[in-house]
Amino acid sequence: MFMRTNLEYAQRDAKEWHEAKSFFHHSNCQHQQSSHSVPANRNHVHRWTTPPVGFIKCNYDGSYVRDLTFKGGWILRSDFGRFLGAGQAVGKVTNNPLESEFQALTMAMQSCWSKGYKKVYFEGDNKEVVAIINGKQSNFAAFNWMRDIRYWKNKFDECYFVWTNRQCNKAADILAKAYLPRDSYSHFHSCISSVIANTLLDDSVL
């Protein structure tokens, strides 16, 4: 019985490893096939920039403090820079900053989809997350997160994942660290919250 159990565990681990390897190979192939159509990201700028016409931009960020509950924040703006809304949510405890970013992105994608947005630029300040999603880097520890990202990505007509510097992602960072209204677990701001008003003013979107 003991040997049989070990064999079953080994077979299951081998199957999961094979699935993860196939998943990242598929992601790399998708990136190579579609990379020519991804608009260039203006990473050299130090102020928030609008997305291409017809898209909205969703900036997201996740907070990470060891052994404490995760919080994520995101903000939606139009191709004219108009404020469309912002969200905050409490999630499960994460093990590292990478997991926090993935969880924040997943929440942001769910929020955008629920609001009916189908063409979205998802912009964050973690280079590793963006590299993994775009097939430029592999990380088997991110396999389950990537499976969720792919699931939600397929619900959009078009979406891109781009990196930006922290200064351009400041509003999302503030939301990720701020207290939620009335100690709720999730909240969507239809109006501009006072905690990000000055930052949005600096971004020239008010």
Protein backbone atom coordinates (compact mmCIF):
# COMPACT_ATOMS: atom_id res chain seq x y z
CA MET A 1 0.00 0.00 0.00
CA PHE A 2 2.85 2.38 0.88
CA MET A 3 4.61 1.78 -2.45
CA ARG A 4 1.33 2.19 -4.31
CA THR A 5 0.67 5.51 -2.62
CA ASN A 6 4.15 6.78 -3.49
CA LEU A 7 3.66 5.68 -7.08
CA GLU A 8 0.35 7.54 -7.28
CA TYR A 9 1.97 10.69 -5.89
CA ALA A 10 4.83 10.40 -8.36
CA GLN A 11 2.42 9.94 -11.27
CA ARG A 12 0.37 12.95 -10.16
CA ASP A 13 3.48 15.13 -9.78
CA ALA A 14 4.71 14.06 -13.21
CA LYS A 15 1.33 14.91 -14.73
CA GLU A 16 1.28 18.38 -13.10
CA TRP A 17 4.86 19.05 -14.26
CA HIS A 18 3.96 18.03 -17.80
CA GLU A 19 0.87 20.27 -17.76
CA ALA A 20 2.91 23.20 -16.48
CA LYS A 21 5.61 22.65 -19.11
CA SER A 22 3.01 22.44 -21.88
CA PHE A 23 1.23 25.53 -20.57
CA PHE A 24 4.32 27.73 -20.64
CA HIS A 25 5.34 26.36 -24.04
CA HIS A 26 1.88 27.28 -25.35
CA SER A 27 2.14 30.75 -23.80
CA ASN A 28 5.53 31.31 -25.46
CA CYS A 29 4.16 30.25 -28.84
CA GLN A 30 1.17 32.56 -28.47
CA HIS A 31 3.47 35.45 -27.66
CA GLN A 32 5.70 34.77 -30.65
CA GLN A 33 2.68 34.61 -32.95
CA SER A 34 1.04 37.78 -31.70
CA SER A 35 3.94 39.96 -30.56
CA HIS A 36 4.03 41.84 -33.88
CA SER A 37 0.50 43.14 -33.25
CA VAL A 38 1.04 44.38 -29.69
CA PRO A 39 1.31 48.17 -29.69
CA ALA A 40 4.53 49.56 -28.28
CA ASN A 41 4.52 50.43 -24.60
CA ARG A 42 5.80 53.90 -23.78
CA ASN A 43 7.85 52.91 -20.74
CA HIS A 44 10.32 55.78 -21.06
CA VAL A 45 7.76 58.30 -19.85
CA HIS A 46 7.33 59.15 -16.19
CA ARG A 47 3.69 60.18 -16.26
CA TRP A 48 0.59 58.12 -16.84
CA THR A 49 -0.37 57.86 -20.52
CA THR A 50 -3.68 57.08 -22.18
CA PRO A 51 -4.29 53.76 -23.98
CA PRO A 52 -4.92 53.54 -27.75
CA VAL A 53 -8.27 54.74 -29.06
CA GLY A 54 -11.06 52.31 -28.28
CA PHE A 55 -9.34 50.79 -25.24
CA ILE A 56 -9.54 51.52 -21.54
CA LYS A 57 -6.52 51.26 -19.29
CA CYS A 58 -6.64 49.43 -15.97
CA ASN A 59 -3.73 50.10 -13.63
CA TYR A 60 -3.45 47.54 -10.84
CA ASP A 61 -1.26 46.88 -7.81
CA GLY A 62 -1.14 44.49 -4.88
CA SER A 63 0.14 45.02 -1.36
CA TYR A 64 2.36 42.46 0.33
CA VAL A 65 3.19 42.27 4.02
CA ARG A 66 4.34 38.92 5.39
CA ASP A 67 1.57 36.97 7.18
CA LEU A 68 -0.97 39.74 6.67
CA THR A 69 -4.09 39.76 4.50
CA PHE A 70 -3.54 40.77 0.91
CA LYS A 71 -5.16 43.89 -0.54
CA GLY A 72 -5.40 44.90 -4.17
CA GLY A 73 -6.29 48.13 -5.92
CA TRP A 74 -7.05 49.09 -9.51
CA ILE A 75 -8.24 52.13 -11.44
CA LEU A 76 -9.98 52.37 -14.81
CA ARG A 77 -9.53 55.25 -17.25
CA SER A 78 -10.67 55.85 -20.82
CA ASP A 79 -8.64 56.58 -23.92
CA PHE A 80 -9.23 60.27 -23.15
CA GLY A 81 -7.96 59.84 -19.58
CA ARG A 82 -11.42 60.11 -18.07
CA PHE A 83 -11.93 58.39 -14.71
CA LEU A 84 -14.24 55.37 -15.11
CA GLY A 85 -14.00 53.89 -11.65
CA ALA A 86 -11.64 52.26 -9.18
CA GLY A 87 -11.70 49.15 -7.04
CA GLN A 88 -10.25 47.75 -3.86
CA ALA A 89 -10.48 44.23 -2.48
CA VAL A 90 -9.17 42.01 0.28
CA GLY A 91 -7.91 38.61 -0.82
CA LYS A 92 -6.18 35.58 0.61
CA VAL A 93 -2.79 35.78 2.26
CA THR A 94 0.00 35.60 -0.32
CA ASN A 95 3.50 34.16 0.06
CA ASN A 96 5.44 36.82 -1.83
CA PRO A 97 5.05 40.07 -3.82
CA LEU A 98 4.72 38.14 -7.09
CA GLU A 99 1.61 36.33 -5.88
CA SER A 100 0.17 39.63 -4.65
CA GLU A 101 0.55 41.16 -8.09
CA PHE A 102 -1.05 38.17 -9.78
CA GLN A 103 -3.97 38.24 -7.36
CA ALA A 104 -4.47 41.98 -7.87
CA LEU A 105 -4.43 41.52 -11.64
CA THR A 106 -6.97 38.69 -11.46
CA MET A 107 -9.30 40.86 -9.38
CA ALA A 108 -8.86 43.77 -11.79
CA MET A 109 -9.68 41.56 -14.78
CA GLN A 110 -12.82 40.27 -13.06
CA SER A 111 -13.88 43.82 -12.27
CA CYS A 112 -13.33 45.06 -15.84
CA TRP A 113 -15.24 42.13 -17.29
CA SER A 114 -18.13 42.61 -14.86
CA LYS A 115 -18.37 46.27 -15.95
CA GLY A 116 -18.64 45.24 -19.60
CA TYR A 117 -15.23 46.44 -20.81
CA LYS A 118 -13.95 44.21 -23.62
CA LYS A 119 -10.79 46.00 -24.85
CA VAL A 120 -8.40 46.67 -22.01
CA TYR A 121 -4.78 47.52 -21.34
CA PHE A 122 -3.76 46.04 -17.98
CA GLU A 123 -0.79 48.01 -16.67
CA GLY A 124 1.27 47.12 -13.60
CA ASP A 125 4.69 47.94 -12.16
CA ASN A 126 6.01 44.40 -11.65
CA LYS A 127 8.25 43.46 -14.59
CA GLU A 128 8.32 39.75 -13.75
CA VAL A 129 4.54 39.42 -13.83
CA VAL A 130 4.33 41.10 -17.24
CA ALA A 131 7.22 39.01 -18.59
CA ILE A 132 5.60 35.74 -17.44
CA ILE A 133 2.19 36.62 -18.88
CA ASN A 134 3.69 37.68 -22.22
CA GLY A 135 5.70 34.47 -22.52
CA LYS A 136 9.12 36.09 -22.12
CA GLN A 137 9.86 34.31 -18.85
CA SER A 138 8.83 31.01 -17.25
CA ASN A 139 8.05 30.46 -13.59
CA PHE A 140 6.41 27.17 -12.65
CA ALA A 141 5.39 28.61 -9.27
CA ALA A 142 3.05 30.92 -11.19
CA PHE A 143 1.32 28.08 -13.05
CA ASN A 144 -2.01 28.27 -11.17
CA TRP A 145 -2.09 32.06 -11.36
CA MET A 146 -1.39 31.94 -15.08
CA ARG A 147 -4.21 29.47 -15.58
CA ASP A 148 -6.60 31.98 -13.97
CA ILE A 149 -5.18 34.85 -16.04
CA ARG A 150 -5.66 32.87 -19.26
CA TYR A 151 -9.25 32.01 -18.28
CA TRP A 152 -10.17 35.66 -17.80
CA LYS A 153 -8.13 36.86 -20.77
CA ASN A 154 -10.24 34.70 -23.08
CA LYS A 155 -13.36 36.58 -21.96
CA PHE A 156 -12.12 39.84 -23.51
CA ASP A 157 -12.16 40.80 -27.17
CA GLU A 158 -8.68 42.23 -26.81
CA CYS A 159 -6.42 42.80 -23.85
CA TYR A 160 -2.73 43.52 -23.39
CA PHE A 161 -0.46 43.32 -20.37
CA VAL A 162 2.14 46.05 -20.11
CA TRP A 163 4.67 47.29 -17.60
CA THR A 164 5.05 50.83 -16.31
CA ASN A 165 7.21 52.48 -13.68
CA ARG A 166 5.91 53.03 -10.16
CA GLN A 167 5.35 56.73 -10.63
CA CYS A 168 2.85 56.01 -13.40
CA ASN A 169 1.14 53.40 -11.24
CA LYS A 170 0.88 55.53 -8.13
CA ALA A 171 -2.93 55.69 -7.95
CA ALA A 172 -3.27 51.90 -7.96
CA ASP A 173 -0.52 51.60 -5.34
CA ILE A 174 -2.35 54.03 -3.04
CA LEU A 175 -5.61 52.09 -3.40
CA ALA A 176 -3.87 48.80 -2.65
CA LYS A 177 -2.58 50.16 0.66
CA ALA A 178 -5.60 52.23 1.71
CA TYR A 179 -8.33 51.09 4.08
CA LEU A 180 -11.50 49.89 2.43
CA PRO A 181 -14.67 51.91 3.13
CA ARG A 182 -16.64 50.64 6.12
CA ASP A 183 -14.16 47.76 6.60
CA SER A 184 -15.69 45.91 3.64
CA TYR A 185 -13.93 43.13 1.74
CA SER A 186 -14.40 44.76 -1.66
CA HIS A 187 -15.52 48.15 -2.89
CA PHE A 188 -15.89 49.85 -6.26
CA HIS A 189 -15.56 53.63 -6.38
CA SER A 190 -17.85 55.13 -9.00
CA CYS A 191 -16.67 58.58 -7.97
CA ILE A 192 -13.09 59.68 -7.39
CA SER A 193 -11.94 58.76 -3.89
CA SER A 194 -10.23 61.47 -1.87
CA VAL A 195 -7.20 59.21 -1.32
CA ILE A 196 -6.29 59.32 -5.04
CA ALA A 197 -7.66 62.74 -6.01
CA ASN A 198 -4.29 64.52 -5.88
CA THR A 199 -2.58 61.73 -7.79
CA LEU A 200 -5.19 61.88 -10.54
CA LEU A 201 -4.73 65.63 -10.67
CA ASP A 202 -1.03 65.08 -11.25
CA ASP A 203 -2.00 62.64 -14.04
CA SER A 204 -4.19 65.39 -15.52
CA VAL A 205 -7.38 63.33 -15.62
CA LEU A 206 -9.62 65.40 -13.35
